Amino acid sequence: AFAERLREEVEATIVKYEESTFQMRVSLGVAAVRDYETSCEPWFSRTDQALYRAKQGGRNRTELDQPAVEKLA
C-alpha cells in the first residue's frame, strides 16, 4: 500500500524546467524479507524480479513479490 501511494505521489508531481513541463513516473518492485533468510540477496533478487515485471507490464506501476502476497492472503 505504501509503495502504491508513493507511486501515485510521484505521478502527481509536475516538474518545470526552463520552458518545459514534465510529469514524473516510477515503477516499483516490492518484496518482503522472509524470517528464514540469512542474507539480503534473495530479498534483493525477488524485489528486482518484481521491478522487471512492473516495467514489462507497462511501467508506472507497482508489482509485488507473488509468494509474499499469497502468504499474506
Protein backbone atom coordinates (compact mmCIF):
# COMPACT_ATOMS: atom_id res chain seq x y z
CA ALA A 1 0.00 0.00 0.00
CA PHE A 2 2.84 2.39 0.85
CA ALA A 3 4.63 1.72 -2.45
CA GLU A 4 1.46 2.39 -4.44
CA ARG A 5 0.84 5.65 -2.55
CA LEU A 6 4.45 6.66 -3.28
CA ARG A 7 3.98 5.84 -6.97
CA GLU A 8 0.81 7.95 -7.08
CA GLU A 9 2.57 10.89 -5.38
CA VAL A 10 5.45 10.74 -7.87
CA GLU A 11 2.97 10.58 -10.76
CA ALA A 12 1.18 13.66 -9.43
CA THR A 13 4.44 15.62 -9.32
CA ILE A 14 4.88 18.11 -12.15
CA VAL A 15 8.44 19.28 -12.81
CA LYS A 16 9.02 22.56 -14.61
CA TYR A 17 12.41 23.08 -16.20
CA GLU A 18 13.07 26.15 -18.29
CA GLU A 19 10.24 26.20 -20.88
CA SER A 20 9.22 22.55 -20.43
CA THR A 21 6.89 20.71 -18.08
CA PHE A 22 7.35 17.04 -17.20
CA GLN A 23 5.19 14.52 -15.41
CA MET A 24 7.23 12.03 -13.43
CA ARG A 25 6.54 8.29 -13.34
CA VAL A 26 8.09 5.41 -11.45
CA SER A 27 7.91 1.63 -11.45
CA LEU A 28 8.34 -0.17 -8.13
CA GLY A 29 9.05 -3.75 -7.13
CA VAL A 30 8.17 -4.80 -3.57
CA ALA A 31 9.17 -7.93 -1.67
CA ALA A 32 9.13 -8.90 1.99
CA VAL A 33 12.14 -10.18 3.89
CA ARG A 34 11.44 -13.74 4.96
CA ASP A 35 12.20 -14.85 8.51
CA TYR A 36 14.40 -17.76 7.44
CA GLU A 37 16.66 -15.76 5.10
CA THR A 38 20.16 -15.23 6.39
CA SER A 39 21.24 -12.66 3.77
CA CYS A 40 19.67 -9.84 1.77
CA GLU A 41 20.49 -11.42 -1.60
CA PRO A 42 17.23 -13.44 -2.01
CA TRP A 43 15.19 -10.41 -0.98
CA PHE A 44 17.02 -8.17 -3.47
CA SER A 45 16.50 -10.78 -6.18
CA ARG A 46 12.73 -11.03 -5.57
CA THR A 47 12.44 -7.24 -5.45
CA ASP A 48 14.37 -6.95 -8.71
CA GLN A 49 12.14 -9.56 -10.38
CA ALA A 50 9.04 -7.64 -9.27
CA LEU A 51 10.53 -4.42 -10.64
CA TYR A 52 11.16 -6.03 -14.03
CA ARG A 53 7.55 -7.31 -14.09
CA ALA A 54 6.41 -3.73 -13.43
CA LYS A 55 8.48 -2.43 -16.33
CA GLN A 56 7.34 -5.20 -18.66
CA GLY A 57 3.71 -4.69 -17.63
CA GLY A 58 3.61 -1.15 -18.93
CA ARG A 59 5.71 0.85 -16.47
CA ASN A 60 4.41 3.38 -13.94
CA ARG A 61 3.11 0.58 -11.74
CA THR A 62 3.80 -1.35 -8.56
CA GLU A 63 4.43 -5.10 -8.62
CA LEU A 64 4.58 -7.34 -5.57
CA ASP A 65 6.61 -10.47 -4.97
CA GLN A 66 3.89 -13.08 -5.59
CA PRO A 67 4.87 -15.66 -2.93
CA ALA A 68 4.73 -12.91 -0.31
CA VAL A 69 1.26 -11.89 -1.47
CA GLU A 70 0.00 -15.47 -1.40
CA LYS A 71 1.38 -15.93 2.12
CA LEU A 72 -0.46 -12.85 3.36
CA ALA A 73 -3.78 -13.87 1.81
